[in-house]
N, C-alpha and C. Protein backbone atom coordinates (compact mmCIF):
# COMPACT_ATOMS: atom_id res chain seq x y z
N GLN A 1 -8.83 -8.37 -16.04
CA GLN A 1 -9.41 -8.08 -14.39
C GLN A 1 -8.20 -8.10 -13.83
N VAL A 2 -8.22 -7.51 -12.26
CA VAL A 2 -7.33 -7.77 -11.73
C VAL A 2 -7.60 -7.86 -9.99
N GLN A 3 -7.96 -8.65 -9.37
CA GLN A 3 -8.22 -8.65 -7.94
C GLN A 3 -7.38 -9.00 -7.09
N LEU A 4 -7.36 -7.56 -5.69
CA LEU A 4 -6.71 -7.21 -4.87
C LEU A 4 -7.14 -7.56 -3.86
N VAL A 5 -6.53 -8.08 -3.12
CA VAL A 5 -7.71 -8.45 -1.58
C VAL A 5 -6.46 -7.98 -0.56
N GLU A 6 -6.43 -7.09 0.27
CA GLU A 6 -5.92 -6.66 1.74
C GLU A 6 -6.27 -7.39 3.22
N SER A 7 -4.79 -7.32 3.47
CA SER A 7 -5.17 -7.95 4.94
C SER A 7 -4.06 -7.40 5.69
N GLY A 8 -4.27 -7.51 7.13
CA GLY A 8 -3.27 -7.25 8.10
C GLY A 8 -3.90 -6.07 9.45
N GLY A 9 -5.11 -5.48 8.56
CA GLY A 9 -5.00 -4.33 9.53
C GLY A 9 -5.41 -4.34 10.83
N GLY A 10 -5.68 -3.68 11.49
CA GLY A 10 -6.29 -3.66 13.26
C GLY A 10 -6.14 -2.71 13.89
N LEU A 11 -5.72 -2.46 15.42
CA LEU A 11 -6.18 -1.81 16.58
C LEU A 11 -4.64 -1.87 17.26
N VAL A 12 -3.87 -0.65 17.04
CA VAL A 12 -2.42 -0.86 17.32
C VAL A 12 -2.33 0.12 18.30
N GLN A 13 -1.59 0.23 19.20
CA GLN A 13 -0.88 1.08 20.29
C GLN A 13 0.17 1.99 19.50
N THR A 14 0.15 3.80 19.34
CA THR A 14 1.01 4.34 19.25
C THR A 14 2.45 3.49 19.32
N GLY A 15 3.70 3.81 18.82
CA GLY A 15 4.81 3.35 18.50
C GLY A 15 4.82 1.38 17.82
N GLY A 16 3.58 0.98 17.90
CA GLY A 16 3.44 -0.29 17.49
C GLY A 16 3.79 -0.64 15.66
N SER A 17 3.52 -1.97 15.54
CA SER A 17 3.88 -2.27 14.43
C SER A 17 2.69 -2.85 14.03
N LEU A 18 2.39 -3.10 12.71
CA LEU A 18 1.73 -3.76 11.80
C LEU A 18 2.54 -3.78 10.70
N ARG A 19 1.55 -5.25 10.10
CA ARG A 19 2.01 -5.56 8.49
C ARG A 19 1.10 -5.80 8.03
N LEU A 20 0.89 -5.33 6.40
CA LEU A 20 -0.42 -5.44 5.67
C LEU A 20 0.20 -6.04 4.67
N SER A 21 -1.01 -6.94 3.83
CA SER A 21 -0.12 -7.92 2.47
C SER A 21 -1.92 -7.61 1.75
N CYS A 22 -1.20 -7.76 0.65
CA CYS A 22 -1.94 -7.67 -0.51
C CYS A 22 -1.52 -8.41 -1.30
N ALA A 23 -2.99 -9.47 -1.96
CA ALA A 23 -2.74 -10.52 -2.70
C ALA A 23 -3.30 -10.44 -4.04
N ALA A 24 -2.52 -10.20 -4.55
CA ALA A 24 -3.04 -9.96 -6.33
C ALA A 24 -3.60 -11.13 -6.97
N SER A 25 -4.73 -11.41 -8.00
CA SER A 25 -4.86 -12.43 -8.98
C SER A 25 -5.26 -12.23 -10.06
N GLY A 26 -5.27 -12.41 -11.28
CA GLY A 26 -5.89 -12.32 -12.92
C GLY A 26 -4.86 -11.85 -13.40
N ARG A 27 -4.74 -10.36 -13.99
CA ARG A 27 -4.11 -10.24 -15.13
C ARG A 27 -2.15 -10.05 -14.09
N ALA A 28 -0.93 -10.23 -15.07
CA ALA A 28 0.27 -10.14 -14.55
C ALA A 28 0.67 -9.56 -13.97
N PHE A 29 0.92 -9.58 -12.60
CA PHE A 29 1.50 -9.13 -11.46
C PHE A 29 2.59 -8.58 -11.74
N THR A 30 3.43 -8.80 -12.46
CA THR A 30 4.93 -8.94 -12.78
C THR A 30 5.22 -7.51 -13.40
N SER A 31 3.89 -7.08 -14.14
CA SER A 31 3.49 -6.42 -15.11
C SER A 31 3.00 -5.20 -14.64
N ALA A 32 2.88 -4.83 -12.93
CA ALA A 32 2.04 -3.76 -12.13
C ALA A 32 2.70 -3.11 -11.60
N VAL A 33 3.00 -2.24 -11.46
CA VAL A 33 3.38 -0.63 -10.28
C VAL A 33 2.69 -0.80 -9.37
N MET A 34 3.03 -1.42 -8.35
CA MET A 34 2.38 -1.22 -6.99
C MET A 34 2.17 -0.34 -5.87
N GLY A 35 0.41 0.29 -5.54
CA GLY A 35 1.19 0.92 -4.58
C GLY A 35 0.12 1.19 -3.51
N TRP A 36 0.37 1.65 -1.96
CA TRP A 36 -0.46 1.74 -1.15
C TRP A 36 -0.77 3.07 -0.55
N PHE A 37 -2.28 3.19 -0.77
CA PHE A 37 -2.79 4.74 -0.46
C PHE A 37 -3.18 4.65 0.97
N ARG A 38 -4.25 5.41 1.56
CA ARG A 38 -4.54 5.43 2.78
C ARG A 38 -5.62 6.49 2.73
N GLN A 39 -6.78 6.45 3.33
CA GLN A 39 -7.77 7.36 3.50
C GLN A 39 -8.37 7.47 4.90
N GLY A 40 -8.18 8.47 5.59
CA GLY A 40 -8.37 8.80 6.60
C GLY A 40 -9.63 9.44 6.76
N PRO A 41 -10.41 9.46 8.40
CA PRO A 41 -11.99 9.94 8.21
C PRO A 41 -12.01 11.43 7.64
N GLY A 42 -12.38 11.57 6.96
CA GLY A 42 -13.31 12.78 5.69
C GLY A 42 -11.76 13.49 5.30
N LYS A 43 -10.89 13.01 4.94
CA LYS A 43 -9.90 13.26 4.50
C LYS A 43 -9.50 12.72 2.66
N GLU A 44 -9.26 13.05 1.81
CA GLU A 44 -8.69 12.38 0.50
C GLU A 44 -8.06 11.16 0.96
N ARG A 45 -8.01 10.40 -0.24
CA ARG A 45 -7.36 9.54 -0.26
C ARG A 45 -5.67 9.88 -0.90
N THR A 46 -4.59 9.03 -0.13
CA THR A 46 -3.20 9.75 -0.76
C THR A 46 -2.36 8.84 -0.13
N PHE A 47 -1.42 9.34 -0.96
CA PHE A 47 -0.23 7.93 -1.39
C PHE A 47 0.60 7.53 -0.60
N VAL A 48 0.78 6.60 0.04
CA VAL A 48 1.71 6.34 1.32
C VAL A 48 2.73 5.37 -0.01
N ALA A 49 2.84 4.37 -0.27
CA ALA A 49 3.81 4.04 -0.97
C ALA A 49 3.80 3.01 -1.88
N GLY A 50 5.11 2.93 -2.80
CA GLY A 50 4.51 1.94 -3.69
C GLY A 50 6.20 2.00 -4.35
N ILE A 51 5.75 0.78 -5.18
CA ILE A 51 7.16 -0.37 -5.58
C ILE A 51 7.01 -0.75 -6.87
N SER A 52 8.26 -0.49 -7.65
CA SER A 52 8.38 -0.44 -9.04
C SER A 52 7.94 -2.86 -9.16
N ARG A 53 7.47 -2.78 -10.53
CA ARG A 53 7.40 -3.98 -11.29
C ARG A 53 8.58 -5.12 -10.79
N SER A 54 9.80 -4.73 -10.61
CA SER A 54 10.55 -5.62 -10.32
C SER A 54 10.91 -5.79 -8.95
N GLY A 55 10.36 -4.57 -7.71
CA GLY A 55 10.98 -4.54 -6.70
C GLY A 55 11.99 -3.77 -6.39
N ASP A 56 12.60 -3.05 -7.40
CA ASP A 56 14.16 -2.65 -6.99
C ASP A 56 14.10 -1.41 -6.73
N THR A 57 12.58 -0.73 -7.17
CA THR A 57 12.61 0.37 -6.64
C THR A 57 11.48 1.11 -5.90
N THR A 58 11.60 1.61 -5.34
CA THR A 58 10.37 2.22 -4.31
C THR A 58 10.43 3.76 -4.03
N ARG A 59 9.58 4.42 -3.69
CA ARG A 59 8.50 5.50 -3.07
C ARG A 59 7.63 5.60 -2.16
N TYR A 60 7.84 6.68 -1.31
CA TYR A 60 7.54 6.74 -0.22
C TYR A 60 7.10 8.24 0.23
N ALA A 61 5.82 8.43 0.86
CA ALA A 61 5.26 10.20 1.19
C ALA A 61 6.30 10.60 2.33
N ASP A 62 6.65 11.35 2.22
CA ASP A 62 7.38 11.76 3.69
C ASP A 62 6.75 12.07 4.74
N SER A 63 5.26 11.74 4.94
CA SER A 63 5.48 11.47 6.47
C SER A 63 5.58 9.89 7.17
N VAL A 64 5.95 9.23 6.01
CA VAL A 64 5.76 7.86 6.04
C VAL A 64 7.57 6.91 5.99
N LYS A 65 8.59 7.84 5.59
CA LYS A 65 9.77 7.60 5.33
C LYS A 65 10.48 7.34 6.60
N GLY A 66 11.06 5.99 6.23
CA GLY A 66 12.03 5.59 7.67
C GLY A 66 11.34 4.93 8.68
N ARG A 67 9.90 4.93 8.52
CA ARG A 67 8.98 3.74 9.43
C ARG A 67 8.33 2.90 8.66
N PHE A 68 7.67 3.28 7.06
CA PHE A 68 7.26 1.82 6.53
C PHE A 68 8.27 1.63 5.85
N THR A 69 7.89 0.28 5.62
CA THR A 69 8.93 -0.03 4.33
C THR A 69 7.64 -1.08 2.72
N VAL A 70 7.71 -1.05 2.13
CA VAL A 70 7.11 -1.73 0.72
C VAL A 70 8.09 -2.40 0.16
N SER A 71 7.04 -3.66 0.09
CA SER A 71 7.77 -4.89 -0.69
C SER A 71 7.12 -5.79 -1.35
N ARG A 72 7.89 -6.54 -2.03
CA ARG A 72 6.66 -7.44 -3.37
C ARG A 72 7.40 -8.76 -3.44
N ASP A 73 6.68 -9.68 -3.48
CA ASP A 73 6.83 -10.99 -3.39
C ASP A 73 6.59 -11.70 -5.02
N ASN A 74 7.32 -11.72 -6.12
CA ASN A 74 6.21 -11.84 -7.22
C ASN A 74 5.84 -13.24 -8.08
N ALA A 75 6.93 -13.93 -7.18
CA ALA A 75 6.33 -15.18 -7.07
C ALA A 75 4.91 -16.03 -6.08
N LYS A 76 4.66 -14.71 -5.45
CA LYS A 76 3.78 -14.81 -4.57
C LYS A 76 2.60 -13.97 -5.19
N ASN A 77 2.27 -13.22 -5.56
CA ASN A 77 2.16 -12.24 -6.02
C ASN A 77 1.62 -11.56 -5.05
N THR A 78 1.79 -10.92 -4.33
CA THR A 78 1.89 -10.31 -2.80
C THR A 78 2.56 -8.98 -3.35
N VAL A 79 2.01 -8.21 -2.17
CA VAL A 79 2.77 -6.62 -1.78
C VAL A 79 3.00 -6.55 -0.62
N SER A 80 3.21 -6.29 0.40
CA SER A 80 3.40 -5.92 1.58
C SER A 80 3.86 -4.19 2.08
N LEU A 81 3.36 -3.98 2.94
CA LEU A 81 3.56 -2.98 3.98
C LEU A 81 3.72 -3.21 5.19
N GLN A 82 4.98 -2.94 5.62
CA GLN A 82 5.38 -2.94 6.85
C GLN A 82 5.35 -1.78 7.62
N MET A 83 4.63 -1.44 8.40
CA MET A 83 4.97 -0.02 9.23
C MET A 83 4.79 -0.25 10.51
N ASN A 84 6.41 0.54 10.87
CA ASN A 84 6.65 0.81 12.62
C ASN A 84 6.72 2.33 12.99
N SER A 85 6.38 2.16 13.97
CA SER A 85 6.52 3.43 15.05
C SER A 85 5.15 4.34 14.66
N LEU A 86 4.25 3.53 14.60
CA LEU A 86 2.56 3.96 14.31
C LEU A 86 2.51 4.96 15.27
N GLU A 87 1.69 5.97 14.58
CA GLU A 87 1.16 7.43 15.00
C GLU A 87 -0.33 7.49 14.65
N SER A 88 -0.87 8.31 15.29
CA SER A 88 -1.99 8.40 15.57
C SER A 88 -2.76 8.80 14.31
N GLY A 89 -1.76 9.94 13.58
CA GLY A 89 -1.97 10.40 12.25
C GLY A 89 -1.94 9.49 10.93
N ASP A 90 -1.45 8.28 11.42
CA ASP A 90 -1.59 6.87 10.56
C ASP A 90 -3.51 5.81 10.17
N THR A 91 -4.00 6.55 11.08
CA THR A 91 -5.23 6.03 11.26
C THR A 91 -6.06 5.89 10.12
N ALA A 92 -6.64 4.96 9.18
CA ALA A 92 -6.90 5.40 7.94
C ALA A 92 -7.47 3.96 7.37
N VAL A 93 -8.23 4.00 6.48
CA VAL A 93 -8.43 2.50 5.56
C VAL A 93 -7.53 3.15 4.54
N TYR A 94 -6.06 1.67 4.53
CA TYR A 94 -5.39 1.02 3.72
C TYR A 94 -5.76 0.89 2.44
N TYR A 95 -5.38 1.15 1.50
CA TYR A 95 -5.96 0.58 0.28
C TYR A 95 -4.54 -0.19 -0.43
N CYS A 96 -4.43 -1.11 -1.16
CA CYS A 96 -3.55 -1.51 -2.07
C CYS A 96 -3.97 -1.24 -3.79
N ALA A 97 -3.49 -1.01 -4.51
CA ALA A 97 -3.53 -0.59 -5.83
C ALA A 97 -2.56 -0.70 -6.68
N ALA A 98 -2.88 -1.29 -8.28
CA ALA A 98 -1.98 -1.55 -9.52
C ALA A 98 -2.55 -1.05 -10.32
N ASP A 99 -0.95 -0.58 -11.12
CA ASP A 99 -1.15 0.28 -11.94
C ASP A 99 -0.51 -0.15 -13.03
N TYR A 100 -0.96 -0.62 -14.42
CA TYR A 100 -0.25 -1.36 -15.42
C TYR A 100 -0.13 0.10 -16.30
N ASN A 101 0.81 1.09 -16.00
CA ASN A 101 1.28 1.87 -16.68
C ASN A 101 2.23 1.92 -18.05
N ALA A 102 2.66 1.88 -19.08
CA ALA A 102 3.83 1.74 -19.73
C ALA A 102 5.07 1.97 -19.14
N LEU A 103 5.14 3.05 -18.91
CA LEU A 103 6.61 3.56 -18.27
C LEU A 103 7.40 2.97 -16.91
N GLY A 104 6.42 1.94 -16.06
CA GLY A 104 6.42 1.40 -14.91
C GLY A 104 6.99 2.36 -14.14
N ALA A 105 6.89 4.01 -14.16
CA ALA A 105 7.03 4.79 -13.32
C ALA A 105 5.99 4.82 -11.88
N ILE A 106 6.81 4.62 -10.60
CA ILE A 106 5.67 4.88 -9.39
C ILE A 106 5.32 6.53 -9.33
N LEU A 107 3.97 6.24 -9.91
CA LEU A 107 2.95 7.64 -9.70
C LEU A 107 2.21 7.65 -8.28
N ALA A 108 1.82 9.10 -7.69
CA ALA A 108 1.47 9.03 -6.73
C ALA A 108 0.20 9.54 -6.53
N THR A 109 -0.32 9.59 -7.84
CA THR A 109 -1.33 9.62 -7.86
C THR A 109 -2.87 9.03 -8.01
N ALA A 110 -3.71 8.86 -7.00
CA ALA A 110 -4.57 8.01 -7.00
C ALA A 110 -5.32 7.62 -8.30
N GLY A 111 -5.19 8.67 -9.15
CA GLY A 111 -6.37 8.25 -10.19
C GLY A 111 -5.37 7.39 -11.67
N HIS A 112 -4.13 7.25 -11.49
CA HIS A 112 -3.53 6.68 -12.29
C HIS A 112 -3.80 5.09 -12.13
N TYR A 113 -4.19 4.76 -11.08
CA TYR A 113 -4.01 2.96 -10.35
C TYR A 113 -5.73 2.86 -10.57
N ALA A 114 -5.44 1.57 -11.92
CA ALA A 114 -6.99 1.33 -12.24
C ALA A 114 -7.23 0.41 -11.52
N TYR A 115 -6.52 -0.46 -10.48
CA TYR A 115 -7.20 -1.42 -9.98
C TYR A 115 -6.81 -1.31 -8.40
N TRP A 116 -8.13 -1.29 -7.73
CA TRP A 116 -8.25 -1.60 -6.14
C TRP A 116 -8.31 -2.28 -5.46
N GLY A 117 -8.36 -2.97 -4.27
CA GLY A 117 -8.32 -3.66 -3.28
C GLY A 117 -10.20 -2.82 -2.50
N GLN A 118 -10.28 -3.97 -1.27
CA GLN A 118 -11.57 -3.35 -0.64
C GLN A 118 -11.19 -2.24 0.13
N GLY A 119 -9.79 -2.38 0.95
CA GLY A 119 -8.95 -1.57 2.12
C GLY A 119 -9.70 -2.79 3.31
N THR A 120 -8.23 -2.15 4.20
CA THR A 120 -8.05 -2.63 5.61
C THR A 120 -7.70 -1.99 5.86
N GLN A 121 -8.60 -1.32 7.56
CA GLN A 121 -8.67 -0.77 8.32
C GLN A 121 -7.50 -1.07 9.54
N VAL A 122 -6.92 0.50 9.83
CA VAL A 122 -5.70 0.29 10.71
C VAL A 122 -5.89 1.67 11.36
N THR A 123 -6.16 1.60 12.89
CA THR A 123 -6.31 2.15 13.80
C THR A 123 -5.14 2.34 15.06
N VAL A 124 -4.55 3.68 15.48
CA VAL A 124 -3.94 3.90 16.12
C VAL A 124 -3.98 4.78 17.73
N SER A 125 -4.31 4.30 18.20
CA SER A 125 -4.84 4.62 19.13
C SER A 125 -3.71 4.94 20.78
N SER A 126 -3.82 6.43 20.98
CA SER A 126 -2.76 6.51 22.25
C SER A 126 -2.53 5.86 23.58
């Protein structure tokens, strides 16, 4: 089993920044590809960013490229999402997720991720 706990959400004005963190426990963290997803009101859960097991490869949704940065600290079993230049469209509940696929690929489909945190709300006000 894997437990994931997100933190760092909140209310921020347009153009502001937030940093989300996700603390993992249980199964070996270094074996997991980590992803961040978000779900806005009345919308499906969509991929935001992902990072490989070692942290040397990242992947982003087009909507956040250049604004968001994903990173991980394997010594501390944490993954973070730095969000800059926030827009109203970024308002959503943000989830971190862990995928233990054998290839170590960063997948953008929520169904591939077996473990999820409880989510943290990010609200961007204009």
